[in-house]
């Protein structure tokens, strides 16, 4: 049996992994995990340590959490998959700017509500490949929880992990959609930063939301780890 620990992206519940889990082989023991935001990025990531050893995979925000776990607790990570993941923002000024924009968006969520937020969030070009109805499935229902995730787990709050990529000692699949030009470029840089343990996978015809757009392709990459 192969054990998987699967972390979803911002605003998603564990159910975002359902289609990928359905495409994994019968021998897989997949455990999709929800993400409760604690008081800091590190505390939130550290809360998953009790889940034990396995292949860890994370999408977007979940990928950043899985990356932290692999760096701080490599004994728990047999292999790692980073899906549509940015290891962080190196430039301090850019990170502050992102933190400010995330705070503005968190305030919008609190003042305008969950539905108005998702109207705005899912209108981004990143999600153009998703069916509008399917895009709203497996999402957090609480506006305060959404706002808290932005404040605690956003890229503006997290310290950059770019400089630590060479520390990864396990096999790492770095995955992005070929149509997602920005994250495909980030994936290439990430794989190069990891070195010989990193393998780049660009999924043809897919965009940013790989768990929904290309679950079979993601499952095939995970199965090969």
N, C-alpha and C. Protein backbone atom coordinates (compact mmCIF):
# COMPACT_ATOMS: atom_id res chain seq x y z
N UNK A 1 0.83 -1.20 0.00
CA UNK A 1 0.00 0.00 0.00
C UNK A 1 0.88 1.26 0.00
N UNK A 2 0.50 2.22 -0.82
CA UNK A 2 1.18 3.51 -0.85
C UNK A 2 0.31 4.54 -0.15
N UNK A 3 0.88 5.21 0.84
CA UNK A 3 0.14 6.21 1.61
C UNK A 3 0.37 7.60 1.03
N UNK A 4 -0.72 8.33 0.82
CA UNK A 4 -0.65 9.70 0.31
C UNK A 4 -1.28 10.65 1.33
N UNK A 5 -0.65 11.79 1.53
CA UNK A 5 -1.22 12.89 2.31
C UNK A 5 -1.43 14.05 1.34
N UNK A 6 -2.65 14.49 1.20
CA UNK A 6 -3.02 15.41 0.12
C UNK A 6 -3.58 16.70 0.69
N UNK A 7 -2.94 17.83 0.35
CA UNK A 7 -3.34 19.13 0.88
C UNK A 7 -3.93 20.00 -0.23
N UNK A 8 -5.11 20.57 -0.02
CA UNK A 8 -5.76 21.39 -1.04
C UNK A 8 -5.24 22.82 -1.05
N UNK A 9 -5.74 23.61 -1.99
CA UNK A 9 -5.33 25.00 -2.11
C UNK A 9 -6.19 25.95 -1.31
N UNK A 10 -5.88 27.23 -1.43
CA UNK A 10 -6.64 28.26 -0.73
C UNK A 10 -8.13 28.15 -1.05
N UNK A 11 -8.94 28.25 -0.03
CA UNK A 11 -10.41 28.24 -0.07
C UNK A 11 -11.00 26.87 -0.32
N UNK A 12 -10.18 25.84 -0.53
CA UNK A 12 -10.69 24.51 -0.85
C UNK A 12 -10.82 23.64 0.40
N UNK A 13 -11.75 22.69 0.33
CA UNK A 13 -11.84 21.64 1.34
C UNK A 13 -11.08 20.42 0.84
N UNK A 14 -10.98 19.42 1.69
CA UNK A 14 -10.30 18.18 1.30
C UNK A 14 -10.95 17.53 0.09
N UNK A 15 -12.25 17.77 -0.11
CA UNK A 15 -12.96 17.17 -1.24
C UNK A 15 -12.45 17.60 -2.60
N UNK A 16 -11.63 18.64 -2.66
CA UNK A 16 -11.05 19.07 -3.94
C UNK A 16 -10.19 17.97 -4.57
N UNK A 17 -9.76 17.03 -3.75
CA UNK A 17 -8.92 15.92 -4.24
C UNK A 17 -9.74 14.72 -4.72
N UNK A 18 -11.05 14.78 -4.65
CA UNK A 18 -11.87 13.59 -4.92
C UNK A 18 -11.59 12.96 -6.28
N UNK A 19 -11.52 13.78 -7.34
CA UNK A 19 -11.33 13.23 -8.69
C UNK A 19 -9.94 12.60 -8.84
N UNK A 20 -8.94 13.19 -8.20
CA UNK A 20 -7.60 12.61 -8.24
C UNK A 20 -7.59 11.28 -7.50
N UNK A 21 -8.20 11.24 -6.32
CA UNK A 21 -8.25 10.00 -5.55
C UNK A 21 -8.94 8.88 -6.32
N UNK A 22 -10.00 9.23 -7.05
CA UNK A 22 -10.72 8.22 -7.82
C UNK A 22 -9.86 7.64 -8.93
N UNK A 23 -8.86 8.40 -9.39
CA UNK A 23 -8.00 7.96 -10.48
C UNK A 23 -6.74 7.24 -10.00
N UNK A 24 -6.48 7.26 -8.70
CA UNK A 24 -5.33 6.54 -8.16
C UNK A 24 -5.57 5.04 -8.17
N UNK A 25 -4.53 4.22 -8.24
CA UNK A 25 -4.72 2.78 -8.23
C UNK A 25 -5.35 2.28 -6.93
N UNK A 26 -5.93 1.09 -6.97
CA UNK A 26 -6.59 0.53 -5.80
C UNK A 26 -5.63 0.33 -4.64
N UNK A 27 -4.35 0.21 -4.96
CA UNK A 27 -3.35 -0.02 -3.91
C UNK A 27 -3.01 1.25 -3.11
N UNK A 28 -3.53 2.38 -3.57
CA UNK A 28 -3.23 3.65 -2.90
C UNK A 28 -4.12 3.84 -1.69
N UNK A 29 -3.54 4.37 -0.62
CA UNK A 29 -4.31 4.80 0.54
C UNK A 29 -4.17 6.31 0.62
N UNK A 30 -5.16 6.98 0.07
CA UNK A 30 -5.10 8.44 -0.04
C UNK A 30 -5.87 9.09 1.10
N UNK A 31 -5.24 10.08 1.72
CA UNK A 31 -5.88 10.79 2.81
C UNK A 31 -5.89 12.29 2.50
N UNK A 32 -6.97 12.78 1.88
CA UNK A 32 -7.09 14.23 1.68
C UNK A 32 -7.33 14.92 3.03
N UNK A 33 -6.66 16.03 3.24
CA UNK A 33 -6.70 16.71 4.53
C UNK A 33 -7.21 18.13 4.38
N UNK A 34 -8.07 18.55 5.28
CA UNK A 34 -8.47 19.94 5.34
C UNK A 34 -7.38 20.78 5.98
N UNK A 35 -7.45 22.09 5.78
CA UNK A 35 -6.41 22.97 6.29
C UNK A 35 -7.00 23.96 7.29
N UNK A 36 -6.84 23.67 8.58
CA UNK A 36 -7.27 24.66 9.59
C UNK A 36 -6.14 25.67 9.80
N UNK A 37 -6.42 26.94 9.62
CA UNK A 37 -5.39 27.97 9.81
C UNK A 37 -5.18 28.23 11.29
N UNK A 38 -3.94 28.17 11.72
CA UNK A 38 -3.57 28.48 13.09
C UNK A 38 -3.07 29.93 13.14
N UNK A 39 -2.21 30.22 14.09
CA UNK A 39 -1.78 31.61 14.25
C UNK A 39 -0.65 32.00 13.31
N UNK A 40 -0.01 31.03 12.69
CA UNK A 40 1.07 31.33 11.75
C UNK A 40 1.13 30.23 10.70
N UNK A 41 1.85 30.53 9.61
CA UNK A 41 2.06 29.54 8.55
C UNK A 41 2.76 28.31 9.12
N UNK A 42 3.79 28.53 9.92
CA UNK A 42 4.58 27.42 10.47
C UNK A 42 3.74 26.55 11.41
N UNK A 43 2.89 27.16 12.22
CA UNK A 43 2.05 26.39 13.13
C UNK A 43 1.03 25.56 12.35
N UNK A 44 0.49 26.13 11.28
CA UNK A 44 -0.47 25.39 10.47
C UNK A 44 0.19 24.19 9.82
N UNK A 45 1.36 24.40 9.21
CA UNK A 45 2.08 23.29 8.59
C UNK A 45 2.47 22.25 9.63
N UNK A 46 2.93 22.71 10.79
CA UNK A 46 3.36 21.79 11.83
C UNK A 46 2.24 20.93 12.38
N UNK A 47 1.01 21.39 12.25
CA UNK A 47 -0.13 20.62 12.75
C UNK A 47 -0.32 19.31 11.99
N UNK A 48 0.27 19.21 10.80
CA UNK A 48 0.11 17.99 9.99
C UNK A 48 1.15 16.93 10.30
N UNK A 49 2.11 17.24 11.14
CA UNK A 49 3.19 16.29 11.43
C UNK A 49 2.64 14.98 11.97
N UNK A 50 1.57 15.05 12.74
CA UNK A 50 0.99 13.85 13.33
C UNK A 50 0.41 12.89 12.28
N UNK A 51 0.26 13.35 11.04
CA UNK A 51 -0.29 12.48 9.99
C UNK A 51 0.67 11.39 9.56
N UNK A 52 1.94 11.51 9.92
CA UNK A 52 2.89 10.43 9.68
C UNK A 52 3.52 10.42 8.30
N UNK A 53 4.28 9.39 8.03
CA UNK A 53 5.09 9.28 6.82
C UNK A 53 4.25 8.86 5.62
N UNK A 54 4.58 9.39 4.47
CA UNK A 54 3.92 9.01 3.23
C UNK A 54 4.42 9.87 2.09
N UNK A 55 3.74 9.78 0.98
CA UNK A 55 3.97 10.69 -0.14
C UNK A 55 3.07 11.90 0.08
N UNK A 56 3.66 13.07 0.19
CA UNK A 56 2.93 14.29 0.44
C UNK A 56 2.75 15.06 -0.86
N UNK A 57 1.54 15.50 -1.11
CA UNK A 57 1.25 16.29 -2.31
C UNK A 57 0.38 17.47 -1.92
N UNK A 58 0.68 18.62 -2.50
CA UNK A 58 -0.10 19.81 -2.20
C UNK A 58 -0.34 20.63 -3.45
N UNK A 59 -1.52 21.20 -3.52
CA UNK A 59 -1.89 22.07 -4.63
C UNK A 59 -1.83 23.52 -4.17
N UNK A 60 -1.09 24.36 -4.89
CA UNK A 60 -1.03 25.80 -4.65
C UNK A 60 -0.66 26.08 -3.19
N UNK A 61 -1.54 26.67 -2.40
CA UNK A 61 -1.24 26.93 -1.00
C UNK A 61 -0.89 25.64 -0.27
N UNK A 62 -1.59 24.56 -0.56
CA UNK A 62 -1.28 23.27 0.05
C UNK A 62 0.12 22.79 -0.32
N UNK A 63 0.57 23.13 -1.53
CA UNK A 63 1.92 22.78 -1.93
C UNK A 63 2.97 23.50 -1.10
N UNK A 64 2.70 24.76 -0.76
CA UNK A 64 3.64 25.50 0.07
C UNK A 64 3.72 24.90 1.47
N UNK A 65 2.58 24.46 1.99
CA UNK A 65 2.57 23.79 3.29
C UNK A 65 3.31 22.45 3.22
N UNK A 66 3.07 21.67 2.17
CA UNK A 66 3.76 20.39 2.01
C UNK A 66 5.27 20.58 1.85
N UNK A 67 5.66 21.65 1.16
CA UNK A 67 7.08 21.95 1.00
C UNK A 67 7.73 22.23 2.36
N UNK A 68 7.05 23.01 3.19
CA UNK A 68 7.58 23.30 4.53
C UNK A 68 7.74 22.00 5.33
N UNK A 69 6.75 21.12 5.26
CA UNK A 69 6.83 19.84 5.98
C UNK A 69 8.03 19.04 5.49
N UNK A 70 8.25 19.01 4.18
CA UNK A 70 9.37 18.24 3.63
C UNK A 70 10.71 18.81 4.07
N UNK A 71 10.80 20.11 4.23
CA UNK A 71 12.04 20.74 4.65
C UNK A 71 12.29 20.59 6.15
N UNK A 72 11.24 20.72 6.93
CA UNK A 72 11.39 20.68 8.39
C UNK A 72 11.32 19.26 8.95
N UNK A 73 10.62 18.37 8.26
CA UNK A 73 10.44 16.99 8.73
C UNK A 73 10.64 16.01 7.57
N UNK A 74 11.83 15.97 6.99
CA UNK A 74 12.05 15.11 5.82
C UNK A 74 11.82 13.63 6.11
N UNK A 75 11.92 13.23 7.36
CA UNK A 75 11.69 11.83 7.71
C UNK A 75 10.25 11.40 7.47
N UNK A 76 9.34 12.37 7.36
CA UNK A 76 7.92 12.06 7.14
C UNK A 76 7.56 11.98 5.67
N UNK A 77 8.46 12.41 4.79
CA UNK A 77 8.11 12.60 3.38
C UNK A 77 8.90 11.63 2.51
N UNK A 78 8.23 10.57 2.10
CA UNK A 78 8.85 9.59 1.21
C UNK A 78 9.11 10.21 -0.16
N UNK A 79 8.17 10.98 -0.64
CA UNK A 79 8.30 11.73 -1.89
C UNK A 79 7.34 12.91 -1.78
N UNK A 80 7.55 13.90 -2.64
CA UNK A 80 6.80 15.16 -2.56
C UNK A 80 6.30 15.54 -3.94
N UNK A 81 5.08 16.04 -4.01
CA UNK A 81 4.53 16.58 -5.26
C UNK A 81 4.05 18.00 -5.00
N UNK A 82 4.58 18.94 -5.78
CA UNK A 82 4.21 20.35 -5.68
C UNK A 82 3.43 20.71 -6.93
N UNK A 83 2.15 21.01 -6.77
CA UNK A 83 1.24 21.22 -7.89
C UNK A 83 0.83 22.69 -7.94
N UNK A 84 1.15 23.36 -9.06
CA UNK A 84 0.82 24.79 -9.21
C UNK A 84 1.26 25.57 -7.98
N UNK A 85 2.50 25.38 -7.57
CA UNK A 85 3.01 25.89 -6.30
C UNK A 85 4.14 26.90 -6.51
N UNK A 86 4.05 28.01 -5.80
CA UNK A 86 5.13 28.99 -5.74
C UNK A 86 5.80 28.86 -4.37
N UNK A 87 7.11 28.57 -4.30
CA UNK A 87 7.76 28.41 -3.00
C UNK A 87 7.81 29.68 -2.15
N UNK A 88 7.39 30.80 -2.69
CA UNK A 88 7.36 32.02 -1.90
C UNK A 88 7.77 33.23 -2.71
N UNK A 89 7.77 34.38 -2.05
CA UNK A 89 8.15 35.64 -2.69
C UNK A 89 9.45 36.10 -2.05
N UNK A 90 10.50 36.16 -2.86
CA UNK A 90 11.84 36.49 -2.34
C UNK A 90 11.98 37.95 -1.95
N UNK A 91 11.45 38.84 -2.77
CA UNK A 91 11.64 40.27 -2.57
C UNK A 91 10.77 40.78 -1.42
N UNK A 92 11.39 41.44 -0.44
CA UNK A 92 10.65 41.90 0.73
C UNK A 92 9.56 42.89 0.37
N UNK A 93 9.83 43.80 -0.55
CA UNK A 93 8.84 44.80 -0.93
C UNK A 93 7.66 44.14 -1.64
N UNK A 94 7.95 43.19 -2.52
CA UNK A 94 6.86 42.48 -3.21
C UNK A 94 6.04 41.65 -2.22
N UNK A 95 6.73 41.09 -1.22
CA UNK A 95 5.99 40.30 -0.22
C UNK A 95 5.08 41.19 0.61
N UNK A 96 5.55 42.38 0.98
CA UNK A 96 4.69 43.32 1.71
C UNK A 96 3.51 43.75 0.85
N UNK A 97 3.74 43.98 -0.43
CA UNK A 97 2.66 44.37 -1.33
C UNK A 97 1.62 43.26 -1.42
N UNK A 98 2.07 42.02 -1.50
CA UNK A 98 1.13 40.89 -1.55
C UNK A 98 0.37 40.77 -0.24
N UNK A 99 1.04 41.00 0.87
CA UNK A 99 0.36 40.95 2.17
C UNK A 99 -0.72 42.03 2.25
N UNK A 100 -0.42 43.21 1.73
CA UNK A 100 -1.41 44.29 1.73
C UNK A 100 -2.60 43.95 0.85
N UNK A 101 -2.35 43.36 -0.32
CA UNK A 101 -3.46 43.02 -1.22
C UNK A 101 -4.29 41.88 -0.64
N UNK A 102 -3.64 40.94 0.05
CA UNK A 102 -4.38 39.86 0.70
C UNK A 102 -5.24 40.42 1.84
N UNK A 103 -4.73 41.40 2.56
CA UNK A 103 -5.51 42.02 3.64
C UNK A 103 -6.72 42.74 3.07
N UNK A 104 -6.54 43.43 1.92
CA UNK A 104 -7.67 44.10 1.28
C UNK A 104 -8.72 43.08 0.87
N UNK A 105 -8.27 41.95 0.32
CA UNK A 105 -9.21 40.93 -0.11
C UNK A 105 -9.90 40.28 1.10
N UNK A 106 -9.17 40.08 2.18
CA UNK A 106 -9.78 39.53 3.40
C UNK A 106 -10.87 40.46 3.91
N UNK A 107 -10.60 41.77 3.87
CA UNK A 107 -11.62 42.73 4.28
C UNK A 107 -12.84 42.68 3.37
N UNK A 108 -12.61 42.49 2.08
CA UNK A 108 -13.72 42.36 1.13
C UNK A 108 -14.59 41.14 1.46
N UNK A 109 -13.94 40.03 1.80
CA UNK A 109 -14.68 38.82 2.17
C UNK A 109 -15.57 39.10 3.38
N UNK A 110 -15.01 39.76 4.38
CA UNK A 110 -15.75 40.02 5.61
C UNK A 110 -16.90 41.00 5.39
N UNK A 111 -16.72 41.95 4.49
CA UNK A 111 -17.76 42.95 4.28
C UNK A 111 -18.80 42.53 3.25
N UNK A 112 -18.38 41.75 2.25
CA UNK A 112 -19.27 41.42 1.13
C UNK A 112 -19.77 39.99 1.14
N UNK A 113 -19.10 39.09 1.86
CA UNK A 113 -19.57 37.73 1.98
C UNK A 113 -18.90 36.76 1.02
N UNK A 114 -19.15 35.50 1.29
CA UNK A 114 -18.51 34.40 0.57
C UNK A 114 -18.84 34.40 -0.92
N UNK A 115 -20.12 34.55 -1.28
CA UNK A 115 -20.52 34.44 -2.68
C UNK A 115 -19.92 35.55 -3.53
N UNK A 116 -19.92 36.77 -3.00
CA UNK A 116 -19.32 37.88 -3.73
C UNK A 116 -17.83 37.66 -3.91
N UNK A 117 -17.19 37.10 -2.89
CA UNK A 117 -15.76 36.81 -3.00
C UNK A 117 -15.50 35.81 -4.12
N UNK A 118 -16.26 34.72 -4.16
CA UNK A 118 -16.00 33.71 -5.19
C UNK A 118 -16.33 34.25 -6.58
N UNK A 119 -17.30 35.12 -6.72
CA UNK A 119 -17.53 35.78 -8.01
C UNK A 119 -16.26 36.49 -8.47
N UNK A 120 -15.61 37.17 -7.55
CA UNK A 120 -14.39 37.91 -7.86
C UNK A 120 -13.19 36.99 -8.05
N UNK A 121 -13.02 36.03 -7.15
CA UNK A 121 -11.85 35.16 -7.16
C UNK A 121 -11.81 34.26 -8.39
N UNK A 122 -12.94 33.66 -8.73
CA UNK A 122 -12.97 32.69 -9.81
C UNK A 122 -13.04 33.34 -11.19
N UNK A 123 -13.17 34.67 -11.22
CA UNK A 123 -13.13 35.39 -12.50
C UNK A 123 -11.70 35.61 -12.99
N UNK A 124 -10.72 35.26 -12.18
CA UNK A 124 -9.33 35.43 -12.58
C UNK A 124 -8.99 34.52 -13.77
N UNK A 125 -8.09 34.96 -14.65
CA UNK A 125 -7.68 34.13 -15.78
C UNK A 125 -7.12 32.76 -15.36
N UNK A 126 -6.58 32.67 -14.13
CA UNK A 126 -6.05 31.39 -13.63
C UNK A 126 -7.08 30.28 -13.72
N UNK A 127 -8.36 30.64 -13.56
CA UNK A 127 -9.42 29.63 -13.47
C UNK A 127 -10.30 29.58 -14.72
N UNK A 128 -9.80 30.10 -15.82
CA UNK A 128 -10.61 30.16 -17.04
C UNK A 128 -10.94 28.78 -17.60
N UNK A 129 -10.18 27.76 -17.22
CA UNK A 129 -10.45 26.43 -17.74
C UNK A 129 -11.47 25.65 -16.95
N UNK A 130 -12.04 26.25 -15.91
CA UNK A 130 -12.98 25.54 -15.05
C UNK A 130 -14.42 25.84 -15.40
N UNK A 131 -15.27 24.84 -15.29
CA UNK A 131 -16.71 25.05 -15.38
C UNK A 131 -17.14 25.90 -14.18
N UNK A 132 -17.92 26.97 -14.39
CA UNK A 132 -18.26 27.89 -13.29
C UNK A 132 -18.95 27.22 -12.12
N UNK A 133 -19.79 26.22 -12.40
CA UNK A 133 -20.47 25.52 -11.30
C UNK A 133 -19.49 24.61 -10.56
N UNK A 134 -18.72 23.84 -11.31
CA UNK A 134 -17.75 22.93 -10.69
C UNK A 134 -16.70 23.69 -9.90
N UNK A 135 -16.38 24.90 -10.34
CA UNK A 135 -15.35 25.69 -9.67
C UNK A 135 -15.73 26.04 -8.24
N UNK A 136 -17.02 26.09 -7.94
CA UNK A 136 -17.48 26.46 -6.60
C UNK A 136 -17.65 25.25 -5.68
N UNK A 137 -17.44 24.07 -6.19
CA UNK A 137 -17.55 22.88 -5.35
C UNK A 137 -16.31 22.72 -4.47
N UNK A 138 -16.51 22.08 -3.34
CA UNK A 138 -15.42 21.79 -2.40
C UNK A 138 -14.71 23.07 -1.96
N UNK A 139 -15.52 24.06 -1.60
CA UNK A 139 -14.99 25.33 -1.11
C UNK A 139 -15.44 25.57 0.33
N UNK A 140 -14.65 26.30 1.07
CA UNK A 140 -15.01 26.65 2.43
C UNK A 140 -16.31 27.45 2.44
N UNK A 141 -17.12 27.22 3.44
CA UNK A 141 -18.42 27.90 3.51
C UNK A 141 -18.40 29.12 4.43
N UNK A 142 -17.36 29.27 5.23
CA UNK A 142 -17.31 30.32 6.23
C UNK A 142 -16.48 31.50 5.74
N UNK A 143 -17.10 32.69 5.67
CA UNK A 143 -16.36 33.89 5.28
C UNK A 143 -15.21 34.20 6.25
N UNK A 144 -15.41 34.11 7.56
CA UNK A 144 -14.28 34.35 8.47
C UNK A 144 -13.12 33.38 8.26
N UNK A 145 -13.44 32.12 7.95
CA UNK A 145 -12.37 31.15 7.72
C UNK A 145 -11.60 31.48 6.45
N UNK A 146 -12.31 31.91 5.41
CA UNK A 146 -11.65 32.32 4.18
C UNK A 146 -10.72 33.51 4.43
N UNK A 147 -11.21 34.50 5.14
CA UNK A 147 -10.39 35.68 5.44
C UNK A 147 -9.18 35.30 6.28
N UNK A 148 -9.37 34.40 7.23
CA UNK A 148 -8.26 33.98 8.09
C UNK A 148 -7.19 33.25 7.29
N UNK A 149 -7.60 32.40 6.35
CA UNK A 149 -6.62 31.71 5.51
C UNK A 149 -5.75 32.70 4.75
N UNK A 150 -6.36 33.73 4.20
CA UNK A 150 -5.59 34.74 3.47
C UNK A 150 -4.57 35.42 4.38
N UNK A 151 -4.99 35.76 5.57
CA UNK A 151 -4.11 36.50 6.49
C UNK A 151 -2.98 35.62 7.03
N UNK A 152 -3.27 34.35 7.29
CA UNK A 152 -2.29 33.48 7.94
C UNK A 152 -1.42 32.73 6.94
N UNK A 153 -2.01 32.33 5.81
CA UNK A 153 -1.34 31.40 4.91
C UNK A 153 -1.01 31.99 3.54
N UNK A 154 -1.24 33.26 3.35
CA UNK A 154 -0.95 33.88 2.07
C UNK A 154 0.54 33.98 1.79
N UNK A 155 0.88 34.16 0.52
CA UNK A 155 2.29 34.27 0.13
C UNK A 155 2.95 35.51 0.74
N UNK A 156 2.15 36.53 1.07
CA UNK A 156 2.71 37.71 1.69
C UNK A 156 3.14 37.49 3.12
N UNK A 157 2.56 36.48 3.77
CA UNK A 157 2.88 36.17 5.17
C UNK A 157 3.99 35.14 5.27
N UNK A 158 4.00 34.18 4.37
CA UNK A 158 4.98 33.09 4.41
C UNK A 158 6.38 33.59 4.05
N UNK A 159 7.38 33.12 4.78
CA UNK A 159 8.77 33.38 4.41
C UNK A 159 9.10 32.56 3.16
N UNK A 160 9.87 33.14 2.27
CA UNK A 160 10.25 32.46 1.04
C UNK A 160 11.06 31.19 1.34
N UNK A 161 10.77 30.13 0.60
CA UNK A 161 11.50 28.87 0.75
C UNK A 161 12.40 28.58 -0.45
N UNK A 162 12.54 29.53 -1.35
CA UNK A 162 13.36 29.31 -2.56
C UNK A 162 14.78 28.88 -2.20
N UNK A 163 15.40 29.55 -1.25
CA UNK A 163 16.81 29.27 -0.93
C UNK A 163 17.00 27.90 -0.30
N UNK A 164 15.92 27.30 0.18
CA UNK A 164 16.04 26.00 0.85
C UNK A 164 15.73 24.82 -0.07
N UNK A 165 15.36 25.07 -1.30
CA UNK A 165 15.01 23.97 -2.21
C UNK A 165 16.11 22.91 -2.35
N UNK A 166 17.40 23.30 -2.39
CA UNK A 166 18.43 22.26 -2.51
C UNK A 166 18.50 21.30 -1.33
N UNK A 167 17.84 21.64 -0.21
CA UNK A 167 17.84 20.75 0.94
C UNK A 167 16.96 19.52 0.75
N UNK A 168 16.06 19.56 -0.22
CA UNK A 168 15.11 18.45 -0.40
C UNK A 168 15.86 17.20 -0.82
N UNK A 169 15.74 16.16 -0.03
CA UNK A 169 16.51 14.93 -0.26
C UNK A 169 15.68 13.80 -0.85
N UNK A 170 14.37 14.01 -0.96
CA UNK A 170 13.47 12.98 -1.48
C UNK A 170 13.10 13.30 -2.94
N UNK A 171 12.55 12.34 -3.68
CA UNK A 171 12.07 12.65 -5.03
C UNK A 171 10.95 13.69 -4.98
N UNK A 172 11.02 14.66 -5.88
CA UNK A 172 10.04 15.73 -5.91
C UNK A 172 9.49 15.88 -7.32
N UNK A 173 8.18 15.72 -7.47
CA UNK A 173 7.50 16.00 -8.74
C UNK A 173 6.99 17.43 -8.69
N UNK A 174 7.44 18.24 -9.63
CA UNK A 174 7.01 19.64 -9.72
C UNK A 174 6.07 19.74 -10.90
N UNK A 175 4.80 20.05 -10.63
CA UNK A 175 3.74 19.89 -11.63
C UNK A 175 3.05 21.21 -11.89
N UNK A 176 2.82 21.51 -13.17
CA UNK A 176 2.05 22.69 -13.54
C UNK A 176 1.33 22.41 -14.85
N UNK A 177 0.28 23.19 -15.11
CA UNK A 177 -0.42 23.08 -16.38
C UNK A 177 0.35 23.83 -17.46
N UNK A 178 0.44 23.25 -18.64
CA UNK A 178 1.20 23.88 -19.72
C UNK A 178 0.58 25.21 -20.15
N UNK A 179 -0.75 25.36 -19.99
CA UNK A 179 -1.41 26.62 -20.36
C UNK A 179 -1.22 27.72 -19.31
N UNK A 180 -0.80 27.32 -18.13
CA UNK A 180 -0.60 28.27 -17.03
C UNK A 180 0.83 28.81 -17.12
N UNK A 181 1.03 29.81 -17.98
CA UNK A 181 2.39 30.23 -18.32
C UNK A 181 3.18 30.69 -17.09
N UNK A 182 2.54 31.44 -16.21
CA UNK A 182 3.25 31.94 -15.04
C UNK A 182 3.74 30.81 -14.16
N UNK A 183 2.84 29.87 -13.82
CA UNK A 183 3.22 28.81 -12.91
C UNK A 183 4.05 27.73 -13.60
N UNK A 184 3.93 27.59 -14.91
CA UNK A 184 4.82 26.69 -15.63
C UNK A 184 6.26 27.20 -15.51
N UNK A 185 6.43 28.53 -15.62
CA UNK A 185 7.77 29.10 -15.47
C UNK A 185 8.28 28.92 -14.03
N UNK A 186 7.40 29.14 -13.04
CA UNK A 186 7.79 28.95 -11.64
C UNK A 186 8.16 27.49 -11.40
N UNK A 187 7.39 26.57 -11.99
CA UNK A 187 7.70 25.14 -11.83
C UNK A 187 9.07 24.80 -12.38
N UNK A 188 9.41 25.37 -13.53
CA UNK A 188 10.73 25.12 -14.10
C UNK A 188 11.83 25.63 -13.20
N UNK A 189 11.64 26.82 -12.63
CA UNK A 189 12.63 27.38 -11.71
C UNK A 189 12.72 26.55 -10.43
N UNK A 190 11.56 26.06 -9.97
CA UNK A 190 11.55 25.24 -8.76
C UNK A 190 12.31 23.94 -8.97
N UNK A 191 12.04 23.25 -10.07
CA UNK A 191 12.73 21.99 -10.36
C UNK A 191 14.23 22.22 -10.48
N UNK A 192 14.62 23.32 -11.13
CA UNK A 192 16.04 23.63 -11.25
C UNK A 192 16.66 23.92 -9.89
N UNK A 193 15.92 24.60 -9.02
CA UNK A 193 16.42 24.90 -7.68
C UNK A 193 16.59 23.66 -6.82
N UNK A 194 15.73 22.68 -7.02
CA UNK A 194 15.82 21.44 -6.26
C UNK A 194 17.04 20.63 -6.70
N UNK A 195 17.29 20.62 -8.00
CA UNK A 195 18.42 19.87 -8.53
C UNK A 195 18.03 18.48 -8.97
N UNK A 196 18.91 17.51 -8.77
CA UNK A 196 18.72 16.17 -9.34
C UNK A 196 17.50 15.45 -8.78
N UNK A 197 17.02 15.83 -7.60
CA UNK A 197 15.84 15.18 -7.03
C UNK A 197 14.53 15.72 -7.58
N UNK A 198 14.58 16.82 -8.32
CA UNK A 198 13.36 17.42 -8.84
C UNK A 198 13.08 17.03 -10.28
N UNK A 199 11.84 16.73 -10.58
CA UNK A 199 11.44 16.39 -11.95
C UNK A 199 10.24 17.26 -12.34
N UNK A 200 10.38 17.94 -13.45
CA UNK A 200 9.35 18.86 -13.93
C UNK A 200 8.32 18.11 -14.76
N UNK A 201 7.04 18.37 -14.50
CA UNK A 201 5.93 17.80 -15.27
C UNK A 201 5.01 18.93 -15.69
N UNK A 202 4.91 19.18 -16.98
CA UNK A 202 3.96 20.16 -17.51
C UNK A 202 2.83 19.39 -18.19
N UNK A 203 1.62 19.57 -17.68
CA UNK A 203 0.47 18.79 -18.15
C UNK A 203 -0.13 19.47 -19.39
N UNK A 204 -0.09 18.82 -20.54
CA UNK A 204 -0.59 19.46 -21.77
C UNK A 204 -2.06 19.83 -21.68
N UNK A 205 -2.41 21.00 -22.19
CA UNK A 205 -3.79 21.43 -22.28
C UNK A 205 -4.43 21.88 -20.99
N UNK A 206 -3.69 21.82 -19.88
CA UNK A 206 -4.27 22.16 -18.58
C UNK A 206 -3.78 23.53 -18.11
N UNK A 207 -4.60 24.16 -17.27
CA UNK A 207 -4.25 25.44 -16.67
C UNK A 207 -3.82 25.27 -15.23
N UNK A 208 -4.21 26.24 -14.39
CA UNK A 208 -3.74 26.27 -13.01
C UNK A 208 -4.43 25.25 -12.12
N UNK A 209 -5.73 25.04 -12.33
CA UNK A 209 -6.54 24.24 -11.41
C UNK A 209 -6.46 22.76 -11.77
N UNK A 210 -5.29 22.18 -11.59
CA UNK A 210 -5.02 20.83 -12.09
C UNK A 210 -5.86 19.74 -11.41
N UNK A 211 -6.24 19.94 -10.15
CA UNK A 211 -7.03 18.90 -9.47
C UNK A 211 -8.36 18.68 -10.16
N UNK A 212 -8.91 19.75 -10.74
CA UNK A 212 -10.19 19.65 -11.44
C UNK A 212 -10.00 19.48 -12.95
N UNK A 213 -8.98 20.11 -13.52
CA UNK A 213 -8.81 20.09 -14.98
C UNK A 213 -8.16 18.81 -15.49
N UNK A 214 -7.26 18.22 -14.71
CA UNK A 214 -6.51 17.06 -15.20
C UNK A 214 -6.24 16.06 -14.07
N UNK A 215 -7.30 15.57 -13.40
CA UNK A 215 -7.08 14.68 -12.25
C UNK A 215 -6.38 13.38 -12.62
N UNK A 216 -6.68 12.81 -13.80
CA UNK A 216 -6.03 11.55 -14.18
C UNK A 216 -4.53 11.76 -14.40
N UNK A 217 -4.16 12.88 -14.99
CA UNK A 217 -2.74 13.16 -15.20
C UNK A 217 -2.02 13.34 -13.88
N UNK A 218 -2.65 14.05 -12.94
CA UNK A 218 -2.05 14.24 -11.61
C UNK A 218 -1.90 12.89 -10.92
N UNK A 219 -2.94 12.05 -10.98
CA UNK A 219 -2.89 10.74 -10.34
C UNK A 219 -1.76 9.88 -10.94
N UNK A 220 -1.58 9.96 -12.24
CA UNK A 220 -0.52 9.16 -12.89
C UNK A 220 0.86 9.59 -12.41
N UNK A 221 1.05 10.90 -12.24
CA UNK A 221 2.35 11.39 -11.75
C UNK A 221 2.57 10.97 -10.31
N UNK A 222 1.52 11.08 -9.49
CA UNK A 222 1.65 10.65 -8.09
C UNK A 222 1.94 9.16 -7.99
N UNK A 223 1.32 8.38 -8.84
CA UNK A 223 1.49 6.93 -8.80
C UNK A 223 2.91 6.51 -9.14
N UNK A 224 3.60 7.35 -9.91
CA UNK A 224 4.97 7.02 -10.33
C UNK A 224 6.02 7.42 -9.29
N UNK A 225 5.62 8.12 -8.24
CA UNK A 225 6.59 8.55 -7.22
C UNK A 225 7.02 7.37 -6.33
